[in-house]
């Protein structure tokens, strides 16, 4: 399941989360974002991550506060958080295996 993130709920859903969180920074007009989106959606539905990892998407056009805070200059940008801290990132439309490897390293 994907959590729709915004400037208002980011701290509660990501920083205060008791499990690690993947945050996909994206925008409607971004072609590579549309390529990465279905991969994130698929991973969020996989049973092996239920209760162990949270998946969220943040539209940078609608939420400039978080995009600015995390210095998002290019999208898609995936940030990985654990215990309220950014622990890893992935820039661009990367293959599913690359994201799975990063998740495995964090869990």
N, C-alpha and C. Protein backbone atom coordinates (compact mmCIF):
# COMPACT_ATOMS: atom_id res chain seq x y z
N UNK A 1 0.83 -1.18 0.00
CA UNK A 1 0.00 0.00 0.00
C UNK A 1 0.88 1.25 0.00
N UNK A 2 0.52 2.20 -0.83
CA UNK A 2 1.26 3.46 -0.93
C UNK A 2 0.58 4.51 -0.06
N UNK A 3 1.38 5.23 0.71
CA UNK A 3 0.88 6.35 1.50
C UNK A 3 1.13 7.63 0.71
N UNK A 4 0.10 8.42 0.50
CA UNK A 4 0.25 9.70 -0.17
C UNK A 4 0.81 10.69 0.85
N UNK A 5 2.03 11.14 0.60
CA UNK A 5 2.69 12.04 1.52
C UNK A 5 2.54 13.49 1.07
N UNK A 6 2.59 14.40 2.04
CA UNK A 6 2.56 15.83 1.73
C UNK A 6 3.34 16.56 2.81
N UNK A 7 3.47 17.87 2.63
CA UNK A 7 4.23 18.66 3.59
C UNK A 7 3.64 18.54 5.01
N UNK A 8 2.32 18.38 5.10
CA UNK A 8 1.65 18.35 6.40
C UNK A 8 1.83 17.02 7.14
N UNK A 9 1.82 15.89 6.42
CA UNK A 9 1.88 14.59 7.11
C UNK A 9 3.26 13.94 7.07
N UNK A 10 4.23 14.57 6.45
CA UNK A 10 5.55 13.95 6.25
C UNK A 10 6.21 13.55 7.58
N UNK A 11 6.20 14.46 8.54
CA UNK A 11 6.86 14.15 9.81
C UNK A 11 6.21 12.95 10.50
N UNK A 12 4.88 12.93 10.55
CA UNK A 12 4.18 11.83 11.21
C UNK A 12 4.38 10.51 10.47
N UNK A 13 4.25 10.52 9.15
CA UNK A 13 4.29 9.29 8.36
C UNK A 13 5.72 8.77 8.10
N UNK A 14 6.69 9.67 8.06
CA UNK A 14 8.05 9.26 7.70
C UNK A 14 9.01 9.38 8.89
N UNK A 15 9.17 10.58 9.40
CA UNK A 15 10.15 10.81 10.46
C UNK A 15 9.81 10.05 11.74
N UNK A 16 8.52 10.01 12.09
CA UNK A 16 8.11 9.33 13.32
C UNK A 16 7.70 7.88 13.10
N UNK A 17 7.88 7.36 11.90
CA UNK A 17 7.49 5.98 11.60
C UNK A 17 8.35 4.99 12.40
N UNK A 18 7.70 3.94 12.91
CA UNK A 18 8.44 2.92 13.66
C UNK A 18 9.03 1.84 12.75
N UNK A 19 8.78 1.94 11.45
CA UNK A 19 9.41 1.05 10.48
C UNK A 19 10.06 1.90 9.39
N UNK A 20 11.05 1.36 8.67
CA UNK A 20 11.69 2.13 7.60
C UNK A 20 10.69 2.55 6.52
N UNK A 21 11.01 3.66 5.85
CA UNK A 21 10.11 4.23 4.85
C UNK A 21 10.86 4.56 3.56
N UNK A 22 10.26 4.19 2.44
CA UNK A 22 10.74 4.60 1.11
C UNK A 22 9.85 5.76 0.69
N UNK A 23 10.48 6.88 0.29
CA UNK A 23 9.72 8.04 -0.19
C UNK A 23 10.10 8.31 -1.64
N UNK A 24 9.11 8.22 -2.52
CA UNK A 24 9.29 8.48 -3.94
C UNK A 24 8.89 9.93 -4.22
N UNK A 25 9.88 10.78 -4.51
CA UNK A 25 9.63 12.17 -4.89
C UNK A 25 9.40 12.18 -6.41
N UNK A 26 8.23 12.66 -6.85
CA UNK A 26 7.85 12.55 -8.24
C UNK A 26 7.00 13.76 -8.67
N UNK A 27 6.65 13.80 -9.96
CA UNK A 27 5.74 14.80 -10.50
C UNK A 27 5.01 14.20 -11.70
N UNK A 28 3.81 14.71 -11.95
CA UNK A 28 2.97 14.21 -13.05
C UNK A 28 3.68 14.27 -14.41
N UNK A 29 4.41 15.35 -14.67
CA UNK A 29 5.01 15.60 -15.98
C UNK A 29 6.30 14.81 -16.22
N UNK A 30 6.77 14.09 -15.23
CA UNK A 30 8.07 13.43 -15.28
C UNK A 30 7.96 12.03 -15.89
N UNK A 31 8.54 11.85 -17.08
CA UNK A 31 8.50 10.55 -17.76
C UNK A 31 9.15 9.43 -16.96
N UNK A 32 10.39 9.61 -16.49
CA UNK A 32 11.01 8.56 -15.68
C UNK A 32 10.22 8.23 -14.40
N UNK A 33 9.51 9.22 -13.86
CA UNK A 33 8.68 8.97 -12.68
C UNK A 33 7.57 7.98 -13.03
N UNK A 34 7.00 8.13 -14.22
CA UNK A 34 5.93 7.23 -14.66
C UNK A 34 6.47 5.82 -14.90
N UNK A 35 7.76 5.70 -15.18
CA UNK A 35 8.37 4.37 -15.34
C UNK A 35 8.62 3.74 -13.97
N UNK A 36 9.04 4.54 -13.00
CA UNK A 36 9.36 4.03 -11.67
C UNK A 36 8.11 3.76 -10.83
N UNK A 37 7.07 4.54 -11.03
CA UNK A 37 5.85 4.43 -10.23
C UNK A 37 5.29 3.03 -10.11
N UNK A 38 5.10 2.31 -11.23
CA UNK A 38 4.55 0.95 -11.14
C UNK A 38 5.45 -0.02 -10.35
N UNK A 39 6.75 0.21 -10.39
CA UNK A 39 7.67 -0.64 -9.62
C UNK A 39 7.45 -0.42 -8.13
N UNK A 40 7.36 0.84 -7.72
CA UNK A 40 7.11 1.16 -6.31
C UNK A 40 5.75 0.60 -5.88
N UNK A 41 4.74 0.76 -6.74
CA UNK A 41 3.40 0.22 -6.43
C UNK A 41 3.46 -1.28 -6.21
N UNK A 42 4.16 -1.98 -7.09
CA UNK A 42 4.26 -3.44 -6.99
C UNK A 42 4.95 -3.85 -5.69
N UNK A 43 6.07 -3.20 -5.39
CA UNK A 43 6.80 -3.55 -4.17
C UNK A 43 5.97 -3.28 -2.92
N UNK A 44 5.19 -2.22 -2.95
CA UNK A 44 4.39 -1.87 -1.76
C UNK A 44 3.33 -2.92 -1.47
N UNK A 45 2.95 -3.70 -2.48
CA UNK A 45 1.93 -4.74 -2.30
C UNK A 45 2.52 -6.11 -1.96
N UNK A 46 3.84 -6.24 -2.00
CA UNK A 46 4.45 -7.56 -1.75
C UNK A 46 4.37 -7.92 -0.27
N UNK A 47 3.97 -9.15 -0.03
CA UNK A 47 3.74 -9.63 1.33
C UNK A 47 4.99 -9.55 2.21
N UNK A 48 6.16 -9.75 1.61
CA UNK A 48 7.39 -9.77 2.42
C UNK A 48 7.70 -8.44 3.10
N UNK A 49 7.09 -7.34 2.62
CA UNK A 49 7.35 -6.03 3.20
C UNK A 49 6.25 -5.54 4.14
N UNK A 50 5.13 -6.25 4.18
CA UNK A 50 4.00 -5.81 5.00
C UNK A 50 4.41 -5.78 6.48
N UNK A 51 4.23 -4.63 7.10
CA UNK A 51 4.56 -4.46 8.51
C UNK A 51 6.04 -4.26 8.78
N UNK A 52 6.87 -4.35 7.72
CA UNK A 52 8.32 -4.20 7.88
C UNK A 52 8.85 -2.96 7.18
N UNK A 53 8.10 -2.47 6.19
CA UNK A 53 8.57 -1.35 5.38
C UNK A 53 7.37 -0.58 4.88
N UNK A 54 7.46 0.75 4.89
CA UNK A 54 6.37 1.61 4.42
C UNK A 54 6.80 2.28 3.12
N UNK A 55 5.84 2.46 2.23
CA UNK A 55 6.08 3.08 0.92
C UNK A 55 5.23 4.33 0.79
N UNK A 56 5.87 5.43 0.40
CA UNK A 56 5.14 6.68 0.23
C UNK A 56 5.55 7.41 -1.02
N UNK A 57 4.63 8.25 -1.53
CA UNK A 57 4.91 9.07 -2.70
C UNK A 57 4.62 10.51 -2.34
N UNK A 58 5.51 11.41 -2.79
CA UNK A 58 5.33 12.82 -2.53
C UNK A 58 5.47 13.59 -3.84
N UNK A 59 4.40 14.27 -4.24
CA UNK A 59 4.39 15.07 -5.46
C UNK A 59 5.14 16.37 -5.17
N UNK A 60 6.27 16.58 -5.83
CA UNK A 60 7.12 17.75 -5.55
C UNK A 60 6.46 19.06 -5.98
N UNK A 61 5.60 19.03 -6.97
CA UNK A 61 4.93 20.25 -7.41
C UNK A 61 3.91 20.72 -6.38
N UNK A 62 3.26 19.79 -5.72
CA UNK A 62 2.23 20.12 -4.74
C UNK A 62 2.79 20.30 -3.33
N UNK A 63 4.03 19.86 -3.10
CA UNK A 63 4.63 19.90 -1.76
C UNK A 63 6.06 20.42 -1.81
N UNK A 64 6.21 21.69 -2.13
CA UNK A 64 7.56 22.24 -2.28
C UNK A 64 8.36 22.28 -0.97
N UNK A 65 7.69 22.26 0.16
CA UNK A 65 8.40 22.32 1.44
C UNK A 65 9.35 21.15 1.65
N UNK A 66 8.84 19.94 1.47
CA UNK A 66 9.68 18.76 1.67
C UNK A 66 10.69 18.61 0.55
N UNK A 67 10.31 18.98 -0.67
CA UNK A 67 11.25 18.92 -1.80
C UNK A 67 12.43 19.85 -1.53
N UNK A 68 12.16 21.02 -0.98
CA UNK A 68 13.23 21.97 -0.65
C UNK A 68 14.07 21.45 0.51
N UNK A 69 13.40 20.96 1.54
CA UNK A 69 14.11 20.47 2.73
C UNK A 69 15.11 19.38 2.38
N UNK A 70 14.73 18.48 1.49
CA UNK A 70 15.60 17.36 1.13
C UNK A 70 16.38 17.62 -0.16
N UNK A 71 16.42 18.88 -0.58
CA UNK A 71 17.21 19.33 -1.72
C UNK A 71 16.98 18.48 -2.97
N UNK A 72 15.72 18.27 -3.29
CA UNK A 72 15.36 17.49 -4.47
C UNK A 72 15.57 18.36 -5.71
N UNK A 73 16.62 18.04 -6.46
CA UNK A 73 16.96 18.79 -7.67
C UNK A 73 16.55 18.05 -8.94
N UNK A 74 16.50 16.73 -8.87
CA UNK A 74 16.12 15.89 -10.00
C UNK A 74 15.15 14.83 -9.50
N UNK A 75 14.22 14.44 -10.38
CA UNK A 75 13.28 13.38 -10.02
C UNK A 75 13.22 12.37 -11.16
N UNK A 76 12.85 11.13 -10.90
CA UNK A 76 12.42 10.64 -9.61
C UNK A 76 13.61 10.47 -8.65
N UNK A 77 13.37 10.83 -7.42
CA UNK A 77 14.34 10.64 -6.35
C UNK A 77 13.66 9.81 -5.27
N UNK A 78 14.29 8.69 -4.92
CA UNK A 78 13.76 7.85 -3.86
C UNK A 78 14.69 7.98 -2.67
N UNK A 79 14.12 8.41 -1.54
CA UNK A 79 14.89 8.49 -0.30
C UNK A 79 14.42 7.39 0.63
N UNK A 80 15.35 6.80 1.34
CA UNK A 80 15.06 5.74 2.29
C UNK A 80 15.32 6.26 3.70
N UNK A 81 14.34 6.13 4.57
CA UNK A 81 14.45 6.62 5.94
C UNK A 81 14.35 5.46 6.93
N UNK A 82 15.14 5.57 7.99
CA UNK A 82 15.07 4.61 9.09
C UNK A 82 15.30 5.39 10.37
N UNK A 83 14.43 5.18 11.35
CA UNK A 83 14.52 5.89 12.63
C UNK A 83 14.56 7.40 12.44
N UNK A 84 13.80 7.89 11.46
CA UNK A 84 13.68 9.31 11.24
C UNK A 84 14.82 9.96 10.48
N UNK A 85 15.80 9.17 10.06
CA UNK A 85 16.97 9.70 9.36
C UNK A 85 17.04 9.14 7.95
N UNK A 86 17.49 9.97 7.01
CA UNK A 86 17.72 9.49 5.64
C UNK A 86 18.96 8.60 5.67
N UNK A 87 18.81 7.36 5.19
CA UNK A 87 19.92 6.41 5.24
C UNK A 87 20.43 6.01 3.86
N UNK A 88 19.65 6.28 2.81
CA UNK A 88 20.08 5.92 1.46
C UNK A 88 19.21 6.67 0.46
N UNK A 89 19.61 6.62 -0.80
CA UNK A 89 18.82 7.25 -1.85
C UNK A 89 19.09 6.59 -3.18
N UNK A 90 18.18 6.85 -4.12
CA UNK A 90 18.30 6.33 -5.47
C UNK A 90 17.75 7.39 -6.41
N UNK A 91 18.52 7.76 -7.43
CA UNK A 91 18.11 8.81 -8.35
C UNK A 91 17.84 8.21 -9.73
N UNK A 92 16.71 8.60 -10.30
CA UNK A 92 16.37 8.15 -11.64
C UNK A 92 15.50 6.91 -11.65
N UNK A 93 15.13 6.50 -12.84
CA UNK A 93 14.29 5.31 -13.02
C UNK A 93 15.19 4.08 -12.97
N UNK A 94 15.31 3.49 -11.80
CA UNK A 94 16.18 2.34 -11.61
C UNK A 94 15.36 1.05 -11.66
N UNK A 95 16.01 -0.08 -11.95
CA UNK A 95 15.27 -1.35 -12.01
C UNK A 95 14.80 -1.80 -10.62
N UNK A 96 13.79 -2.65 -10.64
CA UNK A 96 13.19 -3.17 -9.41
C UNK A 96 14.24 -3.78 -8.48
N UNK A 97 15.17 -4.56 -9.05
CA UNK A 97 16.18 -5.23 -8.22
C UNK A 97 17.02 -4.24 -7.43
N UNK A 98 17.33 -3.09 -8.02
CA UNK A 98 18.14 -2.09 -7.32
C UNK A 98 17.42 -1.56 -6.08
N UNK A 99 16.12 -1.36 -6.19
CA UNK A 99 15.35 -0.89 -5.05
C UNK A 99 15.23 -1.99 -4.01
N UNK A 100 14.99 -3.22 -4.46
CA UNK A 100 14.88 -4.34 -3.52
C UNK A 100 16.17 -4.54 -2.73
N UNK A 101 17.30 -4.36 -3.37
CA UNK A 101 18.59 -4.49 -2.69
C UNK A 101 18.75 -3.43 -1.59
N UNK A 102 18.34 -2.21 -1.88
CA UNK A 102 18.43 -1.14 -0.90
C UNK A 102 17.49 -1.41 0.28
N UNK A 103 16.29 -1.89 -0.01
CA UNK A 103 15.34 -2.22 1.06
C UNK A 103 15.91 -3.34 1.93
N UNK A 104 16.46 -4.37 1.31
CA UNK A 104 17.02 -5.50 2.06
C UNK A 104 18.15 -5.04 2.98
N UNK A 105 18.95 -4.10 2.52
CA UNK A 105 20.06 -3.60 3.34
C UNK A 105 19.56 -2.82 4.55
N UNK A 106 18.38 -2.21 4.43
CA UNK A 106 17.83 -1.40 5.52
C UNK A 106 17.05 -2.24 6.52
N UNK A 107 16.32 -3.22 6.01
CA UNK A 107 15.54 -4.10 6.90
C UNK A 107 16.53 -4.92 7.70
